[in-house]
């Protein structure tokens, strides 16, 4: 098989990155913006290789990180709830709120939303949607903070609207997470990067011994990988 050749733009961008060097977070973010050459606003992505073995249940990880500066796109929130909580959800900014009516729409193939949140009393009714929403990563789940108690509903909606990302280890022990757009200010990308890393430190699986994260890279949708100096990220705080 003939390996496809990289474009001249990509080669020029890649020449700015020293693959043998590990970059601090500030320099990596600056470099990611410089190496973005696409005509659209590329996503800045964080990729982390972990020391976990995904075959073991005590080395799995799944959780949510709230990005203080969002993801650079509107987030459409659906909430399964009823009664007075339905009004509270609408006032908090949820685009779609309901119970059986929304369930019927989804069973019919509709899924025009980005995050689904549910109160516990709705779980028995929406359980049948698991086969439809599960494969899209949209099924409410306590582990991802999308099944919430009534007194936490408004907070969950507001967090989802600001922008949050699901963190999980894939079958190759890698975690992939967007941290914003190339158009973001550098300090905003750094703030989101720190938020993801802080959350991962809190979520470290109990079964993983020693260092949890082995290597990390920052990249844009179409750009080259930038090796990260992980030690310089630990403890980094931004106002």
Protein backbone atom coordinates (compact mmCIF):
# COMPACT_ATOMS: atom_id res chain seq x y z
CA UNK A 1 0.00 0.00 0.00
CA UNK A 2 1.34 3.44 -0.92
CA UNK A 3 1.46 5.78 2.04
CA UNK A 4 -0.38 9.03 1.26
CA UNK A 5 1.87 12.07 1.14
CA UNK A 6 1.25 14.96 3.51
CA UNK A 7 0.30 18.29 1.99
CA UNK A 8 2.84 21.09 1.78
CA UNK A 9 0.85 23.04 4.37
CA UNK A 10 0.98 20.14 6.80
CA UNK A 11 4.69 19.60 6.21
CA UNK A 12 5.35 23.28 6.87
CA UNK A 13 3.32 23.13 10.09
CA UNK A 14 5.01 19.91 11.21
CA UNK A 15 8.44 21.48 10.69
CA UNK A 16 7.64 23.89 13.54
CA UNK A 17 7.40 20.99 16.00
CA UNK A 18 10.47 19.23 17.38
CA UNK A 19 9.18 15.69 17.96
CA UNK A 20 12.09 14.97 20.33
CA UNK A 21 11.18 17.87 22.62
CA UNK A 22 8.50 18.02 25.32
CA UNK A 23 6.72 21.35 25.39
CA UNK A 24 5.32 23.15 28.41
CA UNK A 25 1.59 23.93 28.33
CA UNK A 26 1.95 27.59 27.36
CA UNK A 27 4.38 26.82 24.54
CA UNK A 28 2.31 23.84 23.35
CA UNK A 29 -0.87 25.92 23.14
CA UNK A 30 0.94 28.68 21.27
CA UNK A 31 2.39 26.12 18.88
CA UNK A 32 -0.99 24.46 18.32
CA UNK A 33 -2.41 27.77 17.18
CA UNK A 34 0.57 28.39 14.88
CA UNK A 35 0.34 24.96 13.25
CA UNK A 36 -3.34 25.28 12.42
CA UNK A 37 -3.63 25.76 8.67
CA UNK A 38 -7.19 24.65 7.88
CA UNK A 39 -9.75 27.06 6.47
CA UNK A 40 -12.13 26.30 9.36
CA UNK A 41 -11.86 26.88 13.11
CA UNK A 42 -10.10 23.67 14.14
CA UNK A 43 -10.67 21.93 17.46
CA UNK A 44 -7.70 21.76 19.81
CA UNK A 45 -7.43 18.21 21.13
CA UNK A 46 -5.66 16.56 24.07
CA UNK A 47 -4.55 12.93 23.72
CA UNK A 48 -3.15 11.05 26.71
CA UNK A 49 -1.69 7.56 26.83
CA UNK A 50 -2.35 6.03 30.23
CA UNK A 51 -0.78 3.23 32.26
CA UNK A 52 -4.19 1.58 32.67
CA UNK A 53 -5.25 -1.84 31.41
CA UNK A 54 -8.82 -1.32 30.11
CA UNK A 55 -9.49 -5.07 30.41
CA UNK A 56 -9.74 -4.70 34.21
CA UNK A 57 -12.81 -3.10 35.76
CA UNK A 58 -10.77 -1.34 38.48
CA UNK A 59 -8.67 0.38 35.80
CA UNK A 60 -11.57 1.86 33.85
CA UNK A 61 -12.27 5.58 33.94
CA UNK A 62 -15.37 7.50 33.02
CA UNK A 63 -16.32 10.96 34.14
CA UNK A 64 -16.97 14.54 33.09
CA UNK A 65 -14.77 17.63 33.09
CA UNK A 66 -16.37 21.06 33.13
CA UNK A 67 -14.47 23.42 30.83
CA UNK A 68 -14.39 26.93 32.33
CA UNK A 69 -14.20 28.49 28.86
CA UNK A 70 -16.50 26.10 27.03
CA UNK A 71 -15.99 24.32 23.72
CA UNK A 72 -16.67 27.16 21.34
CA UNK A 73 -20.01 25.87 20.12
CA UNK A 74 -23.61 26.01 21.38
CA UNK A 75 -24.65 23.00 23.44
CA UNK A 76 -28.23 21.77 23.03
CA UNK A 77 -29.47 20.27 26.29
CA UNK A 78 -32.38 17.85 26.67
CA UNK A 79 -33.83 17.12 30.10
CA UNK A 80 -36.06 14.20 31.06
CA UNK A 81 -38.14 15.38 34.00
CA UNK A 82 -41.68 16.38 34.93
CA UNK A 83 -43.80 18.67 37.09
CA UNK A 84 -42.26 21.78 38.60
CA UNK A 85 -38.78 20.62 37.64
CA UNK A 86 -39.72 20.91 33.96
CA UNK A 87 -40.28 24.65 34.38
CA UNK A 88 -37.01 25.01 36.31
CA UNK A 89 -35.17 23.20 33.52
CA UNK A 90 -36.62 25.50 30.87
CA UNK A 91 -35.69 28.58 32.90
CA UNK A 92 -32.14 27.21 33.28
CA UNK A 93 -31.77 27.17 29.49
CA UNK A 94 -32.54 23.59 28.44
CA UNK A 95 -33.72 23.49 24.82
CA UNK A 96 -35.88 20.38 25.22
CA UNK A 97 -37.75 19.36 28.37
CA UNK A 98 -40.31 16.61 28.81
CA UNK A 99 -41.02 12.97 29.54
CA UNK A 100 -43.11 10.60 27.43
CA UNK A 101 -43.31 13.04 24.53
CA UNK A 102 -39.51 13.20 24.21
CA UNK A 103 -39.22 9.44 24.68
CA UNK A 104 -41.58 8.89 21.73
CA UNK A 105 -39.64 11.32 19.54
CA UNK A 106 -36.35 9.57 20.26
CA UNK A 107 -37.87 6.16 19.61
CA UNK A 108 -38.85 7.57 16.22
CA UNK A 109 -35.22 8.36 15.43
CA UNK A 110 -34.90 11.97 16.58
CA UNK A 111 -31.70 12.90 18.46
CA UNK A 112 -31.09 16.58 17.67
CA UNK A 113 -29.34 17.42 20.96
CA UNK A 114 -25.84 17.25 22.47
CA UNK A 115 -26.42 16.38 26.15
CA UNK A 116 -29.24 14.49 27.84
CA UNK A 117 -29.90 14.90 31.57
CA UNK A 118 -32.47 13.06 33.68
CA UNK A 119 -33.78 13.09 37.21
CA UNK A 120 -33.76 9.67 38.95
CA UNK A 121 -37.54 9.23 38.81
CA UNK A 122 -37.34 9.15 35.01
CA UNK A 123 -34.77 6.38 34.67
CA UNK A 124 -37.22 3.46 34.60
CA UNK A 125 -39.12 5.16 31.79
CA UNK A 126 -36.13 6.04 29.64
CA UNK A 127 -34.27 2.75 30.18
CA UNK A 128 -35.60 1.45 26.86
CA UNK A 129 -33.73 4.26 25.09
CA UNK A 130 -30.38 2.78 26.06
CA UNK A 131 -29.92 0.96 22.75
CA UNK A 132 -30.58 4.19 20.83
CA UNK A 133 -28.77 6.75 22.97
CA UNK A 134 -26.03 4.54 24.38
CA UNK A 135 -24.17 4.09 21.13
CA UNK A 136 -24.20 7.86 20.61
CA UNK A 137 -22.94 8.60 24.10
CA UNK A 138 -26.18 10.43 24.94
CA UNK A 139 -27.75 8.10 27.52
CA UNK A 140 -28.04 9.72 30.97
CA UNK A 141 -25.71 8.03 33.42
CA UNK A 142 -24.86 8.78 37.07
CA UNK A 143 -21.15 8.25 36.36
CA UNK A 144 -21.13 11.09 33.86
CA UNK A 145 -23.16 13.43 36.05
CA UNK A 146 -26.18 13.32 33.77
CA UNK A 147 -28.54 11.63 36.22
CA UNK A 148 -28.97 14.26 38.91
CA UNK A 149 -31.02 14.83 42.01
CA UNK A 150 -33.75 17.49 41.71
CA UNK A 151 -31.80 20.05 43.77
CA UNK A 152 -28.80 19.68 41.44
CA UNK A 153 -30.71 19.88 38.15
CA UNK A 154 -30.25 23.59 37.44
CA UNK A 155 -26.50 23.37 38.18
CA UNK A 156 -26.15 20.37 35.84
CA UNK A 157 -27.91 22.22 33.01
CA UNK A 158 -25.78 25.33 33.47
CA UNK A 159 -22.58 23.24 33.46
CA UNK A 160 -23.67 21.46 30.29
CA UNK A 161 -24.46 24.76 28.58
CA UNK A 162 -21.03 26.17 29.48
CA UNK A 163 -19.37 23.13 27.99
CA UNK A 164 -18.14 19.89 29.47
CA UNK A 165 -16.48 16.84 28.03
CA UNK A 166 -16.74 13.15 28.78
CA UNK A 167 -13.48 11.53 29.78
CA UNK A 168 -12.99 7.82 29.27
CA UNK A 169 -10.23 5.35 28.49
CA UNK A 170 -10.60 3.67 25.12
CA UNK A 171 -9.61 0.07 24.34
CA UNK A 172 -6.03 1.17 23.63
CA UNK A 173 -5.69 2.89 27.04
CA UNK A 174 -5.82 6.39 25.52
CA UNK A 175 -7.97 9.33 26.64
CA UNK A 176 -9.06 11.82 23.96
CA UNK A 177 -10.56 15.20 24.86
CA UNK A 178 -11.25 18.47 23.05
CA UNK A 179 -10.22 21.58 24.99
CA UNK A 180 -11.57 24.32 22.71
CA UNK A 181 -11.07 25.95 19.33
CA UNK A 182 -8.01 27.45 17.65
CA UNK A 183 -9.77 30.83 17.76
CA UNK A 184 -9.76 30.78 21.59
CA UNK A 185 -7.41 33.03 23.49
CA UNK A 186 -4.35 31.11 24.68
CA UNK A 187 -5.25 31.60 28.35
CA UNK A 188 -8.68 30.09 27.72
CA UNK A 189 -7.19 26.98 26.11
CA UNK A 190 -4.78 26.71 29.03
CA UNK A 191 -7.64 27.02 31.52
CA UNK A 192 -9.55 24.22 29.81
CA UNK A 193 -6.41 22.07 29.63
CA UNK A 194 -5.81 22.47 33.36
CA UNK A 195 -9.46 21.66 34.11
CA UNK A 196 -9.21 18.35 32.19
CA UNK A 197 -5.93 17.37 33.84
CA UNK A 198 -7.22 18.24 37.32
CA UNK A 199 -10.33 16.14 36.74
CA UNK A 200 -8.27 13.18 35.53
CA UNK A 201 -6.09 13.35 38.63
CA UNK A 202 -9.24 13.11 40.75
CA UNK A 203 -10.62 10.22 38.67
CA UNK A 204 -7.46 8.07 38.64
CA UNK A 205 -8.65 4.43 38.80
CA UNK A 206 -7.78 2.65 42.04
CA UNK A 207 -6.35 -0.31 40.15
CA UNK A 208 -3.65 1.72 38.40
CA UNK A 209 -0.34 1.60 40.25
CA UNK A 210 2.34 4.23 39.76
CA UNK A 211 2.02 7.04 37.23
CA UNK A 212 -1.42 7.12 35.64
CA UNK A 213 -0.60 9.15 32.51
CA UNK A 214 2.48 8.11 30.53
CA UNK A 215 2.57 10.55 27.62
CA UNK A 216 0.48 13.40 26.28
CA UNK A 217 0.08 15.29 23.03
CA UNK A 218 -1.73 18.42 21.95
CA UNK A 219 -2.95 18.73 18.39
CA UNK A 220 -5.52 20.43 16.22
CA UNK A 221 -8.01 18.70 13.93
CA UNK A 222 -5.67 18.78 10.93
CA UNK A 223 -2.39 19.66 12.64
CA UNK A 224 0.70 17.78 13.85
CA UNK A 225 1.06 16.27 17.33
CA UNK A 226 2.90 18.37 19.92
CA UNK A 227 4.55 16.35 22.75
CA UNK A 228 3.57 17.68 26.19
CA UNK A 229 5.74 18.06 29.27
CA UNK A 230 3.18 16.56 31.64
CA UNK A 231 5.13 17.44 34.79
CA UNK A 232 4.87 21.16 33.98
CA UNK A 233 1.08 20.91 33.77
CA UNK A 234 0.72 19.37 37.23
CA UNK A 235 -0.01 22.09 39.75
CA UNK A 236 -0.44 24.78 37.09
CA UNK A 237 -3.04 27.29 38.22
CA UNK A 238 -4.60 30.05 36.16
CA UNK A 239 -6.77 32.95 37.31
